[in-house]
Amino acid sequence: MRVIKLLLLSLLLPFGCDLDFTYQKPRRVFTRRFVALCVVVAVFELLILNAIYNK
């Protein structure tokens, strides 16, 4: 059991586990502009693939 605890602790340390449990508002990872850009690129890729493979 002691070995398992040491193994878990050694896995958590490199990731910088934060033991401070204060609440902070999380940052938005995907902004609206980024999601819109991804949708436009996906539609553009689908149109190109459709033109290539739909002969």
Protein backbone atom coordinates (compact mmCIF):
# COMPACT_ATOMS: atom_id res chain seq x y z
CA MET A 1 0.00 0.00 0.00
CA ARG A 2 2.87 2.33 0.77
CA VAL A 3 4.36 1.68 -2.66
CA ILE A 4 1.08 2.63 -4.35
CA LYS A 5 0.90 5.90 -2.42
CA LEU A 6 4.47 6.77 -3.39
CA LEU A 7 3.76 5.91 -7.00
CA LEU A 8 0.67 8.13 -7.07
CA LEU A 9 2.53 10.96 -5.41
CA SER A 10 5.37 10.67 -7.92
CA LEU A 11 2.85 10.84 -10.76
CA LEU A 12 1.13 13.93 -9.38
CA LEU A 13 4.22 15.99 -8.63
CA PRO A 14 5.41 16.57 -12.23
CA PHE A 15 1.98 17.90 -13.19
CA GLY A 16 2.14 20.53 -10.47
CA CYS A 17 -0.92 19.40 -8.58
CA ASP A 18 -2.42 22.43 -6.93
CA LEU A 19 -3.62 21.67 -3.44
CA ASP A 20 -5.12 25.14 -3.04
CA PHE A 21 -8.89 24.67 -3.37
CA THR A 22 -9.90 28.31 -3.74
CA TYR A 23 -12.48 29.02 -6.42
CA GLN A 24 -11.36 30.99 -9.45
CA LYS A 25 -13.41 31.69 -12.52
CA PRO A 26 -12.06 29.41 -15.27
CA ARG A 27 -10.72 30.97 -18.43
CA ARG A 28 -12.62 30.38 -21.63
CA VAL A 29 -10.57 27.99 -23.73
CA PHE A 30 -12.50 28.17 -27.01
CA THR A 31 -13.56 31.66 -27.92
CA ARG A 32 -16.44 32.27 -30.30
CA ARG A 33 -14.09 33.50 -33.00
CA PHE A 34 -11.93 30.35 -32.74
CA VAL A 35 -14.96 28.04 -32.98
CA ALA A 36 -16.29 30.01 -35.97
CA LEU A 37 -12.91 29.69 -37.69
CA CYS A 38 -12.88 25.92 -37.06
CA VAL A 39 -16.37 25.57 -38.54
CA VAL A 40 -15.42 27.57 -41.64
CA VAL A 41 -12.27 25.49 -42.17
CA ALA A 42 -14.22 22.23 -41.70
CA VAL A 43 -16.87 23.26 -44.24
CA PHE A 44 -14.16 24.35 -46.69
CA GLU A 45 -12.38 21.00 -46.31
CA LEU A 46 -15.63 19.10 -46.85
CA LEU A 47 -16.33 21.07 -50.02
CA ILE A 48 -12.86 20.33 -51.38
CA LEU A 49 -13.07 16.63 -50.51
CA ASN A 50 -16.51 16.42 -52.07
CA ALA A 51 -15.21 18.02 -55.27
CA ILE A 52 -12.24 15.63 -55.40
CA TYR A 53 -13.94 12.32 -54.59
CA ASN A 54 -17.44 12.89 -56.00
CA LYS A 55 -16.70 12.41 -59.69
